Amino acid sequence: QAVGLCYKAIGNYKRAEYWLLRGEQENGPDSSTTYNLANFYWRRN
């Protein structure tokens, strides 16, 4: 998740999305992962 958030911070949204989704897929969703994805897509409009 941290890798995904770092990519988001530098504006590489394609890589950010990949890593955020990977975090969800690897260990299943949880509140933190789900919040990060909701916020990611929100900020991408």
All heavy atoms as atom14 arrays in JSON, in Angstrom:
{
  "sequence": "QAVGLCYKAIGNYKRAEYWLLRGEQENGPDSSTTYNLANFYWRRN",
  "atom14_mask": [
    [1, 1, 1, 1, 1, 1, 1, 1, 1, 0, 0, 0, 0, 0],
    [1, 1, 1, 1, 1, 0, 0, 0, 0, 0, 0, 0, 0, 0],
    [1, 1, 1, 1, 1, 1, 1, 0, 0, 0, 0, 0, 0, 0],
    [1, 1, 1, 1, 0, 0, 0, 0, 0, 0, 0, 0, 0, 0],
    [1, 1, 1, 1, 1, 1, 1, 1, 0, 0, 0, 0, 0, 0],
    [1, 1, 1, 1, 1, 1, 0, 0, 0, 0, 0, 0, 0, 0],
    [1, 1, 1, 1, 1, 1, 1, 1, 1, 1, 1, 1, 0, 0],
    [1, 1, 1, 1, 1, 1, 1, 1, 1, 0, 0, 0, 0, 0],
    [1, 1, 1, 1, 1, 0, 0, 0, 0, 0, 0, 0, 0, 0],
    [1, 1, 1, 1, 1, 1, 1, 1, 0, 0, 0, 0, 0, 0],
    [1, 1, 1, 1, 0, 0, 0, 0, 0, 0, 0, 0, 0, 0],
    [1, 1, 1, 1, 1, 1, 1, 1, 0, 0, 0, 0, 0, 0],
    [1, 1, 1, 1, 1, 1, 1, 1, 1, 1, 1, 1, 0, 0],
    [1, 1, 1, 1, 1, 1, 1, 1, 1, 0, 0, 0, 0, 0],
    [1, 1, 1, 1, 1, 1, 1, 1, 1, 1, 1, 0, 0, 0],
    [1, 1, 1, 1, 1, 0, 0, 0, 0, 0, 0, 0, 0, 0],
    [1, 1, 1, 1, 1, 1, 1, 1, 1, 0, 0, 0, 0, 0],
    [1, 1, 1, 1, 1, 1, 1, 1, 1, 1, 1, 1, 0, 0],
    [1, 1, 1, 1, 1, 1, 1, 1, 1, 1, 1, 1, 1, 1],
    [1, 1, 1, 1, 1, 1, 1, 1, 0, 0, 0, 0, 0, 0],
    [1, 1, 1, 1, 1, 1, 1, 1, 0, 0, 0, 0, 0, 0],
    [1, 1, 1, 1, 1, 1, 1, 1, 1, 1, 1, 0, 0, 0],
    [1, 1, 1, 1, 0, 0, 0, 0, 0, 0, 0, 0, 0, 0],
    [1, 1, 1, 1, 1, 1, 1, 1, 1, 0, 0, 0, 0, 0],
    [1, 1, 1, 1, 1, 1, 1, 1, 1, 0, 0, 0, 0, 0],
    [1, 1, 1, 1, 1, 1, 1, 1, 1, 0, 0, 0, 0, 0],
    [1, 1, 1, 1, 1, 1, 1, 1, 0, 0, 0, 0, 0, 0],
    [1, 1, 1, 1, 0, 0, 0, 0, 0, 0, 0, 0, 0, 0],
    [1, 1, 1, 1, 1, 1, 1, 0, 0, 0, 0, 0, 0, 0],
    [1, 1, 1, 1, 1, 1, 1, 1, 0, 0, 0, 0, 0, 0],
    [1, 1, 1, 1, 1, 1, 0, 0, 0, 0, 0, 0, 0, 0],
    [1, 1, 1, 1, 1, 1, 0, 0, 0, 0, 0, 0, 0, 0],
    [1, 1, 1, 1, 1, 1, 1, 0, 0, 0, 0, 0, 0, 0],
    [1, 1, 1, 1, 1, 1, 1, 0, 0, 0, 0, 0, 0, 0],
    [1, 1, 1, 1, 1, 1, 1, 1, 1, 1, 1, 1, 0, 0],
    [1, 1, 1, 1, 1, 1, 1, 1, 0, 0, 0, 0, 0, 0],
    [1, 1, 1, 1, 1, 1, 1, 1, 0, 0, 0, 0, 0, 0],
    [1, 1, 1, 1, 1, 0, 0, 0, 0, 0, 0, 0, 0, 0],
    [1, 1, 1, 1, 1, 1, 1, 1, 0, 0, 0, 0, 0, 0],
    [1, 1, 1, 1, 1, 1, 1, 1, 1, 1, 1, 0, 0, 0],
    [1, 1, 1, 1, 1, 1, 1, 1, 1, 1, 1, 1, 0, 0],
    [1, 1, 1, 1, 1, 1, 1, 1, 1, 1, 1, 1, 1, 1],
    [1, 1, 1, 1, 1, 1, 1, 1, 1, 1, 1, 0, 0, 0],
    [1, 1, 1, 1, 1, 1, 1, 1, 1, 1, 1, 0, 0, 0],
    [1, 1, 1, 1, 1, 1, 1, 1, 0, 0, 0, 0, 0, 0]
  ],
  "atom14_positions": [
    [[0.83, -1.21, 0.0], [0.0, 0.0, 0.0], [0.87, 1.25, 0.0], [0.57, 2.22, -0.69], [-0.92, 0.0, 1.22], [-2.04, -1.0, 1.13], [-3.05, -0.63, 0.07], [-3.67, 0.41, 0.14], [-3.2, -1.48, -0.92], [0.0, 0.0, 0.0], [0.0, 0.0, 0.0], [0.0, 0.0, 0.0], [0.0, 0.0, 0.0], [0.0, 0.0, 0.0]],
    [[1.94, 1.24, 0.79], [2.83, 2.41, 0.87], [3.46, 2.69, -0.49], [3.59, 3.87, -0.88], [3.9, 2.19, 1.93], [0.0, 0.0, 0.0], [0.0, 0.0, 0.0], [0.0, 0.0, 0.0], [0.0, 0.0, 0.0], [0.0, 0.0, 0.0], [0.0, 0.0, 0.0], [0.0, 0.0, 0.0], [0.0, 0.0, 0.0], [0.0, 0.0, 0.0]],
    [[3.83, 1.66, -1.21], [4.39, 1.85, -2.56], [3.35, 2.54, -3.44], [3.65, 3.5, -4.15], [4.85, 0.52, -3.18], [5.2, 0.68, -4.65], [6.02, -0.05, -2.4], [0.0, 0.0, 0.0], [0.0, 0.0, 0.0], [0.0, 0.0, 0.0], [0.0, 0.0, 0.0], [0.0, 0.0, 0.0], [0.0, 0.0, 0.0], [0.0, 0.0, 0.0]],
    [[2.11, 2.07, -3.37], [1.03, 2.69, -4.16], [0.82, 4.14, -3.78], [0.65, 5.0, -4.65], [0.0, 0.0, 0.0], [0.0, 0.0, 0.0], [0.0, 0.0, 0.0], [0.0, 0.0, 0.0], [0.0, 0.0, 0.0], [0.0, 0.0, 0.0], [0.0, 0.0, 0.0], [0.0, 0.0, 0.0], [0.0, 0.0, 0.0], [0.0, 0.0, 0.0]],
    [[0.84, 4.43, -2.49], [0.64, 5.82, -2.04], [1.8, 6.71, -2.45], [1.6, 7.9, -2.76], [0.42, 5.85, -0.53], [-0.86, 5.15, -0.06], [-0.91, 5.1, 1.47], [-2.1, 5.82, -0.62], [0.0, 0.0, 0.0], [0.0, 0.0, 0.0], [0.0, 0.0, 0.0], [0.0, 0.0, 0.0], [0.0, 0.0, 0.0], [0.0, 0.0, 0.0]],
    [[3.01, 6.15, -2.48], [4.17, 6.92, -2.95], [4.04, 7.26, -4.43], [4.3, 8.4, -4.84], [5.47, 6.17, -2.68], [5.94, 6.11, -0.95], [0.0, 0.0, 0.0], [0.0, 0.0, 0.0], [0.0, 0.0, 0.0], [0.0, 0.0, 0.0], [0.0, 0.0, 0.0], [0.0, 0.0, 0.0], [0.0, 0.0, 0.0], [0.0, 0.0, 0.0]],
    [[3.65, 6.29, -5.22], [3.43, 6.56, -6.65], [2.33, 7.61, -6.84], [2.44, 8.48, -7.7], [3.08, 5.28, -7.41], [4.28, 4.49, -7.87], [4.52, 3.21, -7.39], [5.18, 5.03, -8.78], [5.62, 2.47, -7.81], [6.28, 4.31, -9.21], [6.5, 3.03, -8.73], [7.6, 2.32, -9.15], [0.0, 0.0, 0.0], [0.0, 0.0, 0.0]],
    [[1.3, 7.53, -6.03], [0.23, 8.52, -6.1], [0.78, 9.91, -5.79], [0.47, 10.89, -6.48], [-0.88, 8.15, -5.11], [-2.0, 9.14, -5.03], [-3.01, 8.69, -3.98], [-3.83, 9.85, -3.49], [-4.59, 9.53, -2.3], [0.0, 0.0, 0.0], [0.0, 0.0, 0.0], [0.0, 0.0, 0.0], [0.0, 0.0, 0.0], [0.0, 0.0, 0.0]],
    [[1.61, 9.99, -4.78], [2.17, 11.29, -4.36], [3.03, 11.94, -5.44], [3.05, 13.17, -5.55], [3.0, 11.12, -3.08], [0.0, 0.0, 0.0], [0.0, 0.0, 0.0], [0.0, 0.0, 0.0], [0.0, 0.0, 0.0], [0.0, 0.0, 0.0], [0.0, 0.0, 0.0], [0.0, 0.0, 0.0], [0.0, 0.0, 0.0], [0.0, 0.0, 0.0]],
    [[3.71, 11.12, -6.25], [4.55, 11.7, -7.3], [3.81, 11.82, -8.64], [4.39, 12.24, -9.63], [5.87, 10.93, -7.48], [5.64, 9.48, -7.93], [6.7, 10.99, -6.21], [6.91, 8.75, -8.35], [0.0, 0.0, 0.0], [0.0, 0.0, 0.0], [0.0, 0.0, 0.0], [0.0, 0.0, 0.0], [0.0, 0.0, 0.0], [0.0, 0.0, 0.0]],
    [[2.54, 11.43, -8.62], [1.71, 11.62, -9.81], [1.74, 10.49, -10.82], [1.23, 10.64, -11.93], [0.0, 0.0, 0.0], [0.0, 0.0, 0.0], [0.0, 0.0, 0.0], [0.0, 0.0, 0.0], [0.0, 0.0, 0.0], [0.0, 0.0, 0.0], [0.0, 0.0, 0.0], [0.0, 0.0, 0.0], [0.0, 0.0, 0.0], [0.0, 0.0, 0.0]],
    [[2.33, 9.35, -10.47], [2.33, 8.2, -11.38], [1.12, 7.35, -11.03], [1.2, 6.36, -10.3], [3.63, 7.41, -11.25], [3.76, 6.32, -12.3], [2.76, 5.84, -12.84], [4.98, 5.93, -12.6], [0.0, 0.0, 0.0], [0.0, 0.0, 0.0], [0.0, 0.0, 0.0], [0.0, 0.0, 0.0], [0.0, 0.0, 0.0], [0.0, 0.0, 0.0]],
    [[-0.03, 7.75, -11.57], [-1.31, 7.15, -11.17], [-1.5, 5.73, -11.66], [-2.14, 4.93, -11.0], [-2.46, 8.05, -11.59], [-2.34, 9.42, -10.98], [-2.1, 10.54, -11.75], [-2.42, 9.58, -9.59], [-1.96, 11.79, -11.18], [-2.27, 10.83, -9.0], [-2.04, 11.93, -9.81], [-1.89, 13.16, -9.23], [0.0, 0.0, 0.0], [0.0, 0.0, 0.0]],
    [[-0.91, 5.42, -12.8], [-1.04, 4.06, -13.3], [-0.34, 3.07, -12.37], [-0.89, 2.04, -12.01], [-0.44, 3.96, -14.72], [-0.62, 2.62, -15.36], [-0.14, 2.61, -16.79], [-0.38, 1.24, -17.39], [-0.12, 1.2, -18.81], [0.0, 0.0, 0.0], [0.0, 0.0, 0.0], [0.0, 0.0, 0.0], [0.0, 0.0, 0.0], [0.0, 0.0, 0.0]],
    [[0.88, 3.4, -11.94], [1.61, 2.54, -11.01], [0.95, 2.55, -9.62], [0.91, 1.53, -8.94], [3.07, 2.96, -10.89], [3.87, 2.82, -12.17], [3.98, 1.42, -12.69], [4.72, 0.58, -11.77], [4.75, -0.75, -11.81], [4.08, -1.38, -12.74], [5.42, -1.44, -10.93], [0.0, 0.0, 0.0], [0.0, 0.0, 0.0], [0.0, 0.0, 0.0]],
    [[0.44, 3.7, -9.22], [-0.24, 3.79, -7.93], [-1.44, 2.85, -7.89], [-1.61, 2.09, -6.94], [-0.68, 5.23, -7.66], [0.0, 0.0, 0.0], [0.0, 0.0, 0.0], [0.0, 0.0, 0.0], [0.0, 0.0, 0.0], [0.0, 0.0, 0.0], [0.0, 0.0, 0.0], [0.0, 0.0, 0.0], [0.0, 0.0, 0.0], [0.0, 0.0, 0.0]],
    [[-2.23, 2.91, -8.94], [-3.4, 2.04, -9.0], [-2.99, 0.57, -8.97], [-3.59, -0.25, -8.26], [-4.21, 2.33, -10.26], [-5.47, 1.5, -10.37], [-6.29, 1.83, -11.62], [-5.67, 2.17, -12.66], [-7.51, 1.75, -11.54], [0.0, 0.0, 0.0], [0.0, 0.0, 0.0], [0.0, 0.0, 0.0], [0.0, 0.0, 0.0], [0.0, 0.0, 0.0]],
    [[-1.96, 0.23, -9.72], [-1.48, -1.15, -9.75], [-1.13, -1.64, -8.34], [-1.57, -2.71, -7.92], [-0.24, -1.27, -10.66], [0.47, -2.58, -10.49], [0.02, -3.73, -11.13], [1.6, -2.69, -9.67], [0.66, -4.94, -10.96], [2.25, -3.91, -9.5], [1.78, -5.02, -10.15], [2.42, -6.23, -9.97], [0.0, 0.0, 0.0], [0.0, 0.0, 0.0]],
    [[-0.36, -0.85, -7.61], [0.09, -1.27, -6.28], [-1.04, -1.26, -5.25], [-1.1, -2.12, -4.38], [1.27, -0.42, -5.81], [2.53, -0.82, -6.51], [3.12, -0.2, -7.58], [3.34, -1.97, -6.23], [4.24, -0.88, -7.96], [4.4, -1.98, -7.15], [3.26, -2.99, -5.29], [5.38, -2.96, -7.16], [4.24, -3.97, -5.29], [5.29, -3.95, -6.22]],
    [[-1.94, -0.31, -5.35], [-3.07, -0.29, -4.43], [-3.97, -1.51, -4.65], [-4.4, -2.17, -3.69], [-3.87, 1.0, -4.58], [-3.15, 2.27, -4.1], [-3.93, 3.52, -4.52], [-2.95, 2.25, -2.59], [0.0, 0.0, 0.0], [0.0, 0.0, 0.0], [0.0, 0.0, 0.0], [0.0, 0.0, 0.0], [0.0, 0.0, 0.0], [0.0, 0.0, 0.0]],
    [[-4.24, -1.81, -5.91], [-5.06, -2.99, -6.22], [-4.33, -4.28, -5.84], [-4.96, -5.24, -5.37], [-5.45, -3.01, -7.69], [-6.46, -1.95, -8.11], [-6.61, -1.91, -9.62], [-7.8, -2.19, -7.44], [0.0, 0.0, 0.0], [0.0, 0.0, 0.0], [0.0, 0.0, 0.0], [0.0, 0.0, 0.0], [0.0, 0.0, 0.0], [0.0, 0.0, 0.0]],
    [[-3.03, -4.29, -6.03], [-2.25, -5.49, -5.67], [-2.36, -5.74, -4.16], [-2.49, -6.89, -3.73], [-0.81, -5.33, -6.08], [0.01, -6.54, -5.74], [1.41, -6.47, -6.27], [2.18, -7.57, -5.69], [3.47, -7.69, -5.78], [4.16, -6.78, -6.44], [4.09, -8.7, -5.24], [0.0, 0.0, 0.0], [0.0, 0.0, 0.0], [0.0, 0.0, 0.0]],
    [[-2.29, -4.69, -3.38], [-2.44, -4.84, -1.93], [-3.77, -5.46, -1.56], [-3.85, -6.32, -0.68], [0.0, 0.0, 0.0], [0.0, 0.0, 0.0], [0.0, 0.0, 0.0], [0.0, 0.0, 0.0], [0.0, 0.0, 0.0], [0.0, 0.0, 0.0], [0.0, 0.0, 0.0], [0.0, 0.0, 0.0], [0.0, 0.0, 0.0], [0.0, 0.0, 0.0]],
    [[-4.81, -5.06, -2.27], [-6.14, -5.64, -2.02], [-6.2, -7.09, -2.46], [-6.73, -7.95, -1.76], [-7.2, -4.82, -2.74], [-8.6, -5.37, -2.54], [-9.64, -4.67, -3.39], [-9.36, -4.41, -4.57], [-10.72, -4.41, -2.86], [0.0, 0.0, 0.0], [0.0, 0.0, 0.0], [0.0, 0.0, 0.0], [0.0, 0.0, 0.0], [0.0, 0.0, 0.0]],
    [[-5.63, -7.38, -3.61], [-5.71, -8.74, -4.17], [-4.86, -9.73, -3.39], [-5.26, -10.88, -3.2], [-5.29, -8.73, -5.63], [-6.25, -7.99, -6.52], [-5.67, -7.69, -7.9], [-4.5, -7.94, -8.16], [-6.49, -7.12, -8.77], [0.0, 0.0, 0.0], [0.0, 0.0, 0.0], [0.0, 0.0, 0.0], [0.0, 0.0, 0.0], [0.0, 0.0, 0.0]],
    [[-3.71, -9.29, -2.92], [-2.79, -10.2, -2.25], [-3.31, -10.68, -0.9], [-3.1, -11.82, -0.53], [-1.43, -9.52, -2.05], [-0.7, -9.23, -3.33], [0.03, -10.43, -3.9], [0.35, -11.34, -3.14], [0.29, -10.43, -5.11], [0.0, 0.0, 0.0], [0.0, 0.0, 0.0], [0.0, 0.0, 0.0], [0.0, 0.0, 0.0], [0.0, 0.0, 0.0]],
    [[-3.95, -9.78, -0.16], [-4.33, -10.14, 1.2], [-5.82, -9.95, 1.46], [-6.27, -10.05, 2.58], [-3.53, -9.31, 2.2], [-3.42, -9.99, 3.54], [-3.24, -11.2, 3.61], [-3.53, -9.22, 4.61], [0.0, 0.0, 0.0], [0.0, 0.0, 0.0], [0.0, 0.0, 0.0], [0.0, 0.0, 0.0], [0.0, 0.0, 0.0], [0.0, 0.0, 0.0]],
    [[-6.57, -9.65, 0.43], [-7.99, -9.4, 0.62], [-8.22, -7.99, 1.12], [-7.31, -7.35, 1.65], [0.0, 0.0, 0.0], [0.0, 0.0, 0.0], [0.0, 0.0, 0.0], [0.0, 0.0, 0.0], [0.0, 0.0, 0.0], [0.0, 0.0, 0.0], [0.0, 0.0, 0.0], [0.0, 0.0, 0.0], [0.0, 0.0, 0.0], [0.0, 0.0, 0.0]],
    [[-9.41, -7.49, 0.95], [-9.69, -6.11, 1.35], [-9.76, -5.96, 2.86], [-10.11, -6.9, 3.58], [-11.04, -5.82, 0.7], [-11.68, -7.16, 0.54], [-10.55, -8.14, 0.33], [0.0, 0.0, 0.0], [0.0, 0.0, 0.0], [0.0, 0.0, 0.0], [0.0, 0.0, 0.0], [0.0, 0.0, 0.0], [0.0, 0.0, 0.0], [0.0, 0.0, 0.0]],
    [[-9.38, -4.82, 3.35], [-9.57, -4.43, 4.73], [-9.93, -2.94, 4.72], [-9.98, -2.32, 3.66], [-8.34, -4.73, 5.59], [-7.1, -3.96, 5.17], [-7.21, -2.98, 4.39], [-6.01, -4.32, 5.62], [0.0, 0.0, 0.0], [0.0, 0.0, 0.0], [0.0, 0.0, 0.0], [0.0, 0.0, 0.0], [0.0, 0.0, 0.0], [0.0, 0.0, 0.0]],
    [[-10.17, -2.37, 5.88], [-10.64, -0.98, 5.91], [-9.59, -0.01, 5.37], [-9.92, 0.93, 4.66], [-11.07, -0.58, 7.32], [-10.01, -0.73, 8.23], [0.0, 0.0, 0.0], [0.0, 0.0, 0.0], [0.0, 0.0, 0.0], [0.0, 0.0, 0.0], [0.0, 0.0, 0.0], [0.0, 0.0, 0.0], [0.0, 0.0, 0.0], [0.0, 0.0, 0.0]],
    [[-8.32, -0.25, 5.68], [-7.26, 0.65, 5.23], [-7.09, 0.61, 3.71], [-7.06, 1.64, 3.04], [-5.94, 0.28, 5.91], [-4.89, 1.07, 5.43], [0.0, 0.0, 0.0], [0.0, 0.0, 0.0], [0.0, 0.0, 0.0], [0.0, 0.0, 0.0], [0.0, 0.0, 0.0], [0.0, 0.0, 0.0], [0.0, 0.0, 0.0], [0.0, 0.0, 0.0]],
    [[-7.0, -0.6, 3.19], [-6.86, -0.77, 1.74], [-8.06, -0.19, 1.0], [-7.92, 0.5, 0.0], [-6.72, -2.26, 1.4], [-5.61, -2.8, 2.11], [-6.54, -2.49, -0.08], [0.0, 0.0, 0.0], [0.0, 0.0, 0.0], [0.0, 0.0, 0.0], [0.0, 0.0, 0.0], [0.0, 0.0, 0.0], [0.0, 0.0, 0.0], [0.0, 0.0, 0.0]],
    [[-9.23, -0.46, 1.52], [-10.46, 0.0, 0.88], [-10.55, 1.52, 0.92], [-10.92, 2.16, -0.07], [-11.68, -0.64, 1.56], [-11.53, -2.07, 1.49], [-12.97, -0.26, 0.87], [0.0, 0.0, 0.0], [0.0, 0.0, 0.0], [0.0, 0.0, 0.0], [0.0, 0.0, 0.0], [0.0, 0.0, 0.0], [0.0, 0.0, 0.0], [0.0, 0.0, 0.0]],
    [[-10.17, 2.12, 2.05], [-10.15, 3.59, 2.13], [-9.16, 4.16, 1.12], [-9.48, 5.13, 0.41], [-9.78, 4.08, 3.54], [-9.55, 5.56, 3.55], [-10.62, 6.45, 3.56], [-8.26, 6.08, 3.5], [-10.41, 7.81, 3.52], [-8.05, 7.45, 3.47], [-9.12, 8.31, 3.48], [-8.9, 9.67, 3.43], [0.0, 0.0, 0.0], [0.0, 0.0, 0.0]],
    [[-7.97, 3.59, 1.04], [-6.96, 4.09, 0.11], [-7.46, 4.04, -1.34], [-7.23, 4.97, -2.11], [-5.65, 3.32, 0.25], [-4.9, 3.69, 1.5], [-5.03, 4.8, 2.03], [-4.1, 2.77, 2.01], [0.0, 0.0, 0.0], [0.0, 0.0, 0.0], [0.0, 0.0, 0.0], [0.0, 0.0, 0.0], [0.0, 0.0, 0.0], [0.0, 0.0, 0.0]],
    [[-8.13, 2.97, -1.7], [-8.67, 2.86, -3.06], [-9.82, 3.84, -3.29], [-9.88, 4.48, -4.35], [-9.11, 1.42, -3.35], [-7.94, 0.48, -3.64], [-8.35, -0.98, -3.45], [-7.42, 0.71, -5.05], [0.0, 0.0, 0.0], [0.0, 0.0, 0.0], [0.0, 0.0, 0.0], [0.0, 0.0, 0.0], [0.0, 0.0, 0.0], [0.0, 0.0, 0.0]],
    [[-10.71, 3.97, -2.33], [-11.81, 4.94, -2.46], [-11.27, 6.35, -2.62], [-11.7, 7.1, -3.49], [-12.74, 4.86, -1.25], [0.0, 0.0, 0.0], [0.0, 0.0, 0.0], [0.0, 0.0, 0.0], [0.0, 0.0, 0.0], [0.0, 0.0, 0.0], [0.0, 0.0, 0.0], [0.0, 0.0, 0.0], [0.0, 0.0, 0.0], [0.0, 0.0, 0.0]],
    [[-10.28, 6.69, -1.81], [-9.68, 8.02, -1.87], [-8.9, 8.23, -3.17], [-8.96, 9.3, -3.76], [-8.77, 8.22, -0.65], [-8.25, 9.63, -0.57], [-7.22, 9.94, -1.16], [-8.96, 10.46, 0.15], [0.0, 0.0, 0.0], [0.0, 0.0, 0.0], [0.0, 0.0, 0.0], [0.0, 0.0, 0.0], [0.0, 0.0, 0.0], [0.0, 0.0, 0.0]],
    [[-8.2, 7.2, -3.61], [-7.45, 7.28, -4.86], [-8.38, 7.61, -6.03], [-8.14, 8.55, -6.78], [-6.71, 5.96, -5.13], [-6.07, 5.91, -6.49], [-4.88, 6.56, -6.73], [-6.67, 5.2, -7.53], [-4.29, 6.53, -7.99], [-6.08, 5.16, -8.78], [-4.89, 5.83, -9.02], [0.0, 0.0, 0.0], [0.0, 0.0, 0.0], [0.0, 0.0, 0.0]],
    [[-9.46, 6.85, -6.16], [-10.38, 7.08, -7.28], [-11.12, 8.42, -7.12], [-11.39, 9.09, -8.11], [-11.36, 5.92, -7.42], [-10.68, 4.67, -7.94], [-10.64, 3.5, -7.2], [-10.05, 4.67, -9.19], [-10.01, 2.36, -7.67], [-9.41, 3.54, -9.67], [-9.39, 2.4, -8.9], [-8.76, 1.28, -9.39], [0.0, 0.0, 0.0], [0.0, 0.0, 0.0]],
    [[-11.41, 8.8, -5.89], [-12.04, 10.09, -5.65], [-11.15, 11.22, -6.16], [-11.6, 12.11, -6.87], [-12.31, 10.26, -4.15], [-12.83, 11.6, -3.77], [-12.12, 12.65, -3.26], [-14.17, 12.06, -3.91], [-12.94, 13.72, -3.05], [-14.21, 13.39, -3.44], [-15.34, 11.47, -4.37], [-15.38, 14.14, -3.43], [-16.5, 12.23, -4.35], [-16.51, 13.54, -3.89]],
    [[-9.88, 11.16, -5.81], [-8.95, 12.22, -6.23], [-8.67, 12.19, -7.73], [-8.26, 13.19, -8.3], [-7.66, 12.14, -5.42], [-7.92, 12.44, -3.95], [-6.65, 12.67, -3.19], [-6.92, 12.93, -1.8], [-7.28, 14.11, -1.29], [-7.42, 15.14, -2.09], [-7.49, 14.26, -0.02], [0.0, 0.0, 0.0], [0.0, 0.0, 0.0], [0.0, 0.0, 0.0]],
    [[-8.91, 11.06, -8.36], [-8.78, 10.95, -9.82], [-10.09, 11.34, -10.5], [-10.23, 11.24, -11.7], [-8.4, 9.51, -10.21], [-7.07, 9.03, -9.67], [-5.86, 9.73, -10.24], [-5.84, 9.55, -11.67], [-5.42, 10.48, -12.54], [-4.99, 11.63, -12.1], [-5.44, 10.25, -13.81], [0.0, 0.0, 0.0], [0.0, 0.0, 0.0], [0.0, 0.0, 0.0]],
    [[-11.05, 11.76, -9.7], [-12.37, 12.19, -10.16], [-13.16, 11.05, -10.83], [-13.99, 11.29, -11.69], [-12.26, 13.4, -11.1], [-13.53, 14.21, -11.08], [-14.24, 14.26, -10.08], [-13.85, 14.85, -12.19], [0.0, 0.0, 0.0], [0.0, 0.0, 0.0], [0.0, 0.0, 0.0], [0.0, 0.0, 0.0], [0.0, 0.0, 0.0], [0.0, 0.0, 0.0]]
  ]
}
